[in-house]
Structures are given as structure tokens and as C-alpha cells.
Amino acid sequence: MAGRLNGKVAIITGAARGMGKVEAELFAKEGAKVVAADILEDEVKKVAEDIVKAGHQAIAFKLDVSKSEDWKKVVDKVVEKWGKVDVLVNNAGIFPTSGIETATEEEWDRVMNINAKGQFLGIKYVLPAMKKAGKGSIINISSIAGLIGTGMAVAYHASKGASRLLTKTVAAELAKYNIRVNSIHPGIIRTQMVQDFLKDEETTKQALGTTVLGRPAEPIEVAYGALFLASEESSYITGTELVIDGGYTAL
């Protein structure tokens, strides 16, 4: 049966857990050759192994998204093995919750290096392969924190705002190569990253805030958005934001 990503090679960062893991599994089911990348080497290898056991194609690499040499090594190996890169999902990220009074300079630098610089480097290093192929789709996982403020997580908000505007300017720059660049802005998603905010009914209610659907999303609900942007179904969409937040930002 034809899948929505048949024949495409997709690199997904942060693929050891949460949204990245589910995206890797879904993309593989839809026919993609998946490159699961994460700094958590053992966990991401297990993700790729399980995908292969399910009858799909996947390989895994250890990747520190903040390091140029890691990106170059991964992309070179992918092109050597599969000849191209069609899709990049810049999913890797961290979520410290410190506000402006308590955040340290070290925390700021670490968050920006992973959440913002990591996406910049990913785009930079897949670009030659996508230019050679004459097309590509790059998906930056931002957040509703890149659209609104919450009075906490100052470095996280800054990094996700950077992701949003990085997406728009690179989309304009790369359109001439038929490379599309879009961002996804999840709201409250049930992953390990936010598990402390969903530990009981009271904390969950507080975390959901203005989410009009009244529940957290499951990672698959974000993965389907990424699948759409990775597929040819979104061929006329670039430089835009796909907000998957249950209506958090609607009010």
C-alpha cells in the first residue's frame, strides 16, 4: 500500500522519546526511510530497531544538535547510505522553566544552543543534499511559547521565538530551491518533557490554562501535523505556522 512519504528520506532529531519517537514511527509506517537521531544513543537505537522489526526502514545516530561536526557526520552518512535527504524535522529541545530572576547565563546558553542553534545547524547541513535533489521539506518544532508569553521559562520562550522567525526567513531564502520550511507550535502535549505539569488533576488543569479542548494532546496528534508538512500534500505551504494547541492560543 502506498504511503504518504514513500521513497522519502527523513531525518528526525530528538527521536529517542516523546514527539520525535512517535514522528519517527509514523513516518516509517508512511513509507519514509527514517533517520532517528538523538543524544540519547541507546534509546534512539532501540527506536530504530523497533521500526525495523515492524517491517520498515530506519537507522539511528547519536547526534548533539548543537555541534556542527555531529551534523556533518550524520548527514554525510545518510547521503552515503540513501543518496539524499528529503525531510528534516528539527524536533530536539529542552524545557527549563526558570524565569528571568532565576535563570542563569549557563542555562540561557544551553537552551539557545539546543533549541535555536540546533535548528540553524540542521538546516545548514541538510541544505546541500536538498539543493541537489531540487526540493525538500524542513519542519521546525517550535511551541506556543514562540507565539505568546507565560511569565516563566524565559530561555525556552526566547528559543522558540527564534525558531519561529528562523523558519520564516529561511523559507523566503530557500524558496528558489523548492525547499519548504515551516514551523509547528504544539501546546500541552503528554510527553516526558511536561510530565511534572500533568501529574494530577490540579496541576493538569493549571497547565492546560486556556486550552479550549480541555485536555493535553497525545504526541501522535503533533506527528500527524509533521506528516502533512513532510508530504506532498503541503506542496504550496512554506514560511507558516501550524499551531497544534487544542485552542490554547484561541482566546
Protein backbone atom coordinates (compact mmCIF):
# COMPACT_ATOMS: atom_id res chain seq x y z
CA MET A 1 0.00 0.00 0.00
CA ALA A 2 1.34 3.42 -0.96
CA GLY A 3 2.34 5.60 1.96
CA ARG A 4 2.27 9.37 2.11
CA LEU A 5 6.09 9.50 2.35
CA ASN A 6 7.05 6.65 0.04
CA GLY A 7 10.65 6.99 -1.15
CA LYS A 8 11.48 9.95 1.08
CA VAL A 9 14.48 10.05 3.43
CA ALA A 10 13.63 11.85 6.68
CA ILE A 11 15.98 12.94 9.47
CA ILE A 12 14.20 13.40 12.80
CA THR A 13 16.07 14.81 15.79
CA GLY A 14 15.12 14.18 19.39
CA ALA A 15 13.78 10.83 18.19
CA ALA A 16 14.56 8.82 21.32
CA ARG A 17 11.44 9.92 23.18
CA GLY A 18 8.18 11.83 23.03
CA MET A 19 7.10 13.56 19.86
CA GLY A 20 10.27 12.71 17.98
CA LYS A 21 9.89 8.99 18.64
CA VAL A 22 6.26 8.99 17.53
CA GLU A 23 7.11 11.04 14.43
CA ALA A 24 9.82 8.52 13.52
CA GLU A 25 7.40 5.61 13.90
CA LEU A 26 4.65 7.33 11.90
CA PHE A 27 6.95 8.47 9.10
CA ALA A 28 8.30 4.92 8.75
CA LYS A 29 4.79 3.49 8.56
CA GLU A 30 4.06 6.00 5.79
CA GLY A 31 6.98 4.74 3.72
CA ALA A 32 9.86 7.00 4.69
CA LYS A 33 13.41 5.84 5.27
CA VAL A 34 13.81 7.26 8.76
CA VAL A 35 16.99 8.59 10.30
CA ALA A 36 16.35 8.68 14.05
CA ALA A 37 18.86 10.97 15.75
CA ASP A 38 19.31 11.85 19.40
CA ILE A 39 21.98 12.47 22.00
CA LEU A 40 20.47 9.50 23.92
CA GLU A 41 22.29 6.91 21.84
CA ASP A 42 20.98 3.68 23.37
CA GLU A 43 17.37 4.85 23.42
CA VAL A 44 17.37 6.10 19.84
CA LYS A 45 18.97 2.87 18.61
CA LYS A 46 16.11 0.97 20.25
CA VAL A 47 13.59 3.19 18.43
CA ALA A 48 15.20 2.41 15.07
CA GLU A 49 15.47 -1.30 15.87
CA ASP A 50 11.77 -1.47 16.73
CA ILE A 51 10.87 0.29 13.48
CA VAL A 52 12.92 -2.22 11.50
CA LYS A 53 11.33 -5.13 13.41
CA ALA A 54 7.93 -3.75 12.36
CA GLY A 55 8.97 -4.13 8.73
CA HIS A 56 10.00 -0.56 7.94
CA GLN A 57 13.31 1.20 7.25
CA ALA A 58 15.26 3.13 9.87
CA ILE A 59 18.76 3.82 11.09
CA ALA A 60 19.89 5.62 14.23
CA PHE A 61 22.69 8.04 15.01
CA LYS A 62 23.93 9.76 18.11
CA LEU A 63 23.61 13.49 17.48
CA ASP A 64 24.33 16.53 19.61
CA VAL A 65 22.35 19.08 17.62
CA SER A 66 24.47 21.95 18.95
CA LYS A 67 27.65 20.59 17.32
CA SER A 68 28.49 21.22 13.66
CA GLU A 69 30.74 18.18 13.46
CA ASP A 70 27.92 15.88 14.59
CA TRP A 71 25.56 17.26 11.97
CA LYS A 72 28.12 16.93 9.19
CA LYS A 73 28.88 13.34 10.15
CA VAL A 74 25.21 12.32 10.27
CA VAL A 75 24.22 13.98 7.00
CA ASP A 76 27.28 12.58 5.21
CA LYS A 77 26.45 9.05 6.38
CA VAL A 78 22.78 9.39 5.40
CA VAL A 79 23.67 10.59 1.90
CA GLU A 80 26.22 7.80 1.59
CA LYS A 81 23.63 5.19 2.57
CA TRP A 82 20.42 6.51 0.97
CA GLY A 83 21.65 9.09 -1.51
CA LYS A 84 19.60 12.08 -0.39
CA VAL A 85 17.71 13.93 2.33
CA ASP A 86 14.10 14.91 1.59
CA VAL A 87 12.80 15.87 5.01
CA LEU A 88 14.29 17.32 8.19
CA VAL A 89 12.27 17.51 11.39
CA ASN A 90 14.14 19.69 13.89
CA ASN A 91 12.43 18.27 16.95
CA ALA A 92 15.18 18.15 19.61
CA GLY A 93 14.68 20.53 22.51
CA ILE A 94 14.83 21.10 26.25
CA PHE A 95 12.43 22.90 28.58
CA PRO A 96 13.87 24.57 31.69
CA THR A 97 11.21 26.60 33.45
CA SER A 98 13.32 29.31 35.13
CA GLY A 99 12.04 32.86 34.93
CA ILE A 100 14.18 35.96 34.37
CA GLU A 101 15.10 36.31 38.05
CA THR A 102 16.40 32.77 38.49
CA ALA A 103 17.66 31.77 35.04
CA THR A 104 21.44 31.63 34.79
CA GLU A 105 23.62 32.62 31.88
CA GLU A 106 24.68 28.98 31.55
CA GLU A 107 21.05 27.86 31.33
CA TRP A 108 20.30 30.51 28.72
CA ASP A 109 23.24 29.42 26.57
CA ARG A 110 22.37 25.73 26.83
CA VAL A 111 18.73 26.27 25.83
CA MET A 112 19.62 28.53 22.93
CA ASN A 113 22.34 26.14 21.75
CA ILE A 114 19.96 23.17 21.60
CA ASN A 115 16.61 24.74 20.74
CA ALA A 116 17.71 27.50 18.35
CA LYS A 117 21.29 26.88 17.20
CA GLY A 118 20.46 23.19 16.77
CA GLN A 119 17.77 24.04 14.22
CA PHE A 120 20.03 26.52 12.44
CA LEU A 121 22.77 23.89 12.10
CA GLY A 122 20.35 21.20 10.96
CA ILE A 123 19.08 23.39 8.14
CA LYS A 124 22.59 24.44 7.18
CA TYR A 125 23.90 20.88 6.92
CA VAL A 126 20.96 19.28 5.06
CA LEU A 127 20.79 22.15 2.59
CA PRO A 128 23.39 20.86 0.07
CA ALA A 129 21.60 17.50 -0.20
CA MET A 130 18.20 19.14 -0.62
CA LYS A 131 19.52 21.58 -3.22
CA LYS A 132 20.98 18.68 -5.17
CA ALA A 133 17.62 16.88 -5.03
CA GLY A 134 15.82 20.01 -6.18
CA LYS A 135 13.34 20.01 -3.30
CA GLY A 136 12.87 19.41 0.40
CA SER A 137 10.71 19.99 3.44
CA ILE A 138 12.12 21.32 6.71
CA ILE A 139 9.91 21.28 9.79
CA ASN A 140 11.00 23.19 12.88
CA ILE A 141 9.24 22.19 16.07
CA SER A 142 8.65 25.44 17.91
CA SER A 143 5.93 25.87 20.55
CA ILE A 144 3.06 28.09 21.54
CA ALA A 145 5.85 29.59 23.67
CA GLY A 146 7.12 31.03 20.39
CA LEU A 147 3.81 32.86 19.94
CA ILE A 148 2.82 34.02 23.42
CA GLY A 149 4.36 34.64 26.83
CA THR A 150 3.54 32.79 30.04
CA GLY A 151 5.64 34.56 32.68
CA MET A 152 8.06 31.63 33.06
CA ALA A 153 10.69 29.66 31.11
CA VAL A 154 12.41 32.77 29.78
CA ALA A 155 15.13 30.99 27.79
CA TYR A 156 12.66 28.47 26.37
CA HIS A 157 10.34 31.24 25.14
CA ALA A 158 13.25 33.09 23.57
CA SER A 159 14.48 29.96 21.81
CA LYS A 160 11.07 29.08 20.44
CA GLY A 161 10.53 32.61 19.22
CA ALA A 162 13.88 32.31 17.46
CA SER A 163 12.71 29.06 15.86
CA ARG A 164 9.57 30.77 14.52
CA LEU A 165 11.43 33.65 12.84
CA LEU A 166 14.27 31.42 11.68
CA THR A 167 11.61 29.41 9.88
CA LYS A 168 10.13 32.40 8.10
CA THR A 169 13.35 33.97 6.88
CA VAL A 170 14.85 30.67 5.74
CA ALA A 171 11.60 29.81 3.94
CA ALA A 172 11.95 33.03 1.97
CA GLU A 173 15.62 32.38 1.25
CA LEU A 174 15.23 28.75 0.15
CA ALA A 175 12.03 29.02 -1.90
CA LYS A 176 14.11 29.38 -5.06
CA TYR A 177 15.40 25.85 -4.46
CA ASN A 178 11.90 24.43 -3.96
CA ILE A 179 12.72 23.81 -0.31
CA ARG A 180 9.82 24.48 2.03
CA VAL A 181 10.32 25.48 5.66
CA ASN A 182 7.50 25.53 8.23
CA SER A 183 7.14 25.54 11.99
CA ILE A 184 4.85 23.57 14.28
CA HIS A 185 3.67 25.10 17.54
CA PRO A 186 2.45 22.45 19.98
CA GLY A 187 0.54 23.31 23.12
CA ILE A 188 0.37 20.98 26.11
CA ILE A 189 1.47 17.56 24.84
CA ARG A 190 1.64 14.46 27.01
CA THR A 191 5.40 13.77 26.92
CA GLN A 192 8.17 13.27 29.45
CA MET A 193 9.16 16.91 28.98
CA VAL A 194 5.98 18.13 30.70
CA GLN A 195 5.15 15.14 32.90
CA ASP A 196 5.61 17.17 36.11
CA PHE A 197 2.85 19.51 34.94
CA LEU A 198 0.42 16.64 34.33
CA LYS A 199 0.97 14.55 37.48
CA ASP A 200 -2.53 15.05 38.92
CA GLU A 201 -5.85 16.69 38.12
CA GLU A 202 -5.00 20.03 39.71
CA THR A 203 -1.59 20.50 38.05
CA THR A 204 -3.02 19.36 34.71
CA LYS A 205 -5.80 21.93 34.94
CA GLN A 206 -3.26 24.66 35.66
CA ALA A 207 -1.03 23.58 32.78
CA LEU A 208 -3.90 23.46 30.30
CA GLY A 209 -4.72 27.09 31.01
CA THR A 210 -6.93 28.36 28.18
CA THR A 211 -6.85 25.10 26.18
CA VAL A 212 -10.46 25.08 24.97
CA LEU A 213 -10.48 21.35 24.18
CA GLY A 214 -9.79 20.79 27.87
CA ARG A 215 -7.15 18.04 27.58
CA PRO A 216 -3.48 17.54 26.73
CA ALA A 217 -2.66 16.24 23.26
CA GLU A 218 -1.07 12.90 22.59
CA PRO A 219 2.24 13.00 20.66
CA ILE A 220 0.62 11.34 17.64
CA GLU A 221 -1.60 14.41 17.22
CA VAL A 222 1.51 16.50 16.60
CA ALA A 223 3.14 13.78 14.49
CA TYR A 224 0.23 13.88 12.03
CA GLY A 225 0.84 17.60 11.56
CA ALA A 226 4.51 16.93 10.84
CA LEU A 227 3.50 14.17 8.42
CA PHE A 228 1.31 16.61 6.49
CA LEU A 229 4.11 19.17 6.21
CA ALA A 230 6.60 16.47 5.17
CA SER A 231 4.31 15.13 2.46
CA GLU A 232 3.48 16.46 -0.99
CA GLU A 233 0.02 17.34 0.33
CA SER A 234 1.54 20.57 1.68
CA SER A 235 3.42 21.44 -1.51
CA TYR A 236 2.19 25.06 -1.53
CA ILE A 237 2.83 25.75 2.16
CA THR A 238 6.02 27.44 3.32
CA GLY A 239 7.01 30.00 5.93
CA THR A 240 3.92 29.36 8.01
CA GLU A 241 3.00 28.20 11.50
CA LEU A 242 0.94 25.11 12.20
CA VAL A 243 -0.50 25.60 15.68
CA ILE A 244 -1.49 22.34 17.39
CA ASP A 245 -2.59 23.54 20.79
CA GLY A 246 -6.18 22.48 21.42
CA GLY A 247 -7.19 26.12 21.22
CA TYR A 248 -4.78 27.38 23.93
CA THR A 249 -3.99 30.50 21.87
CA ALA A 250 -7.54 30.97 20.56
CA LEU A 251 -8.64 33.14 23.47
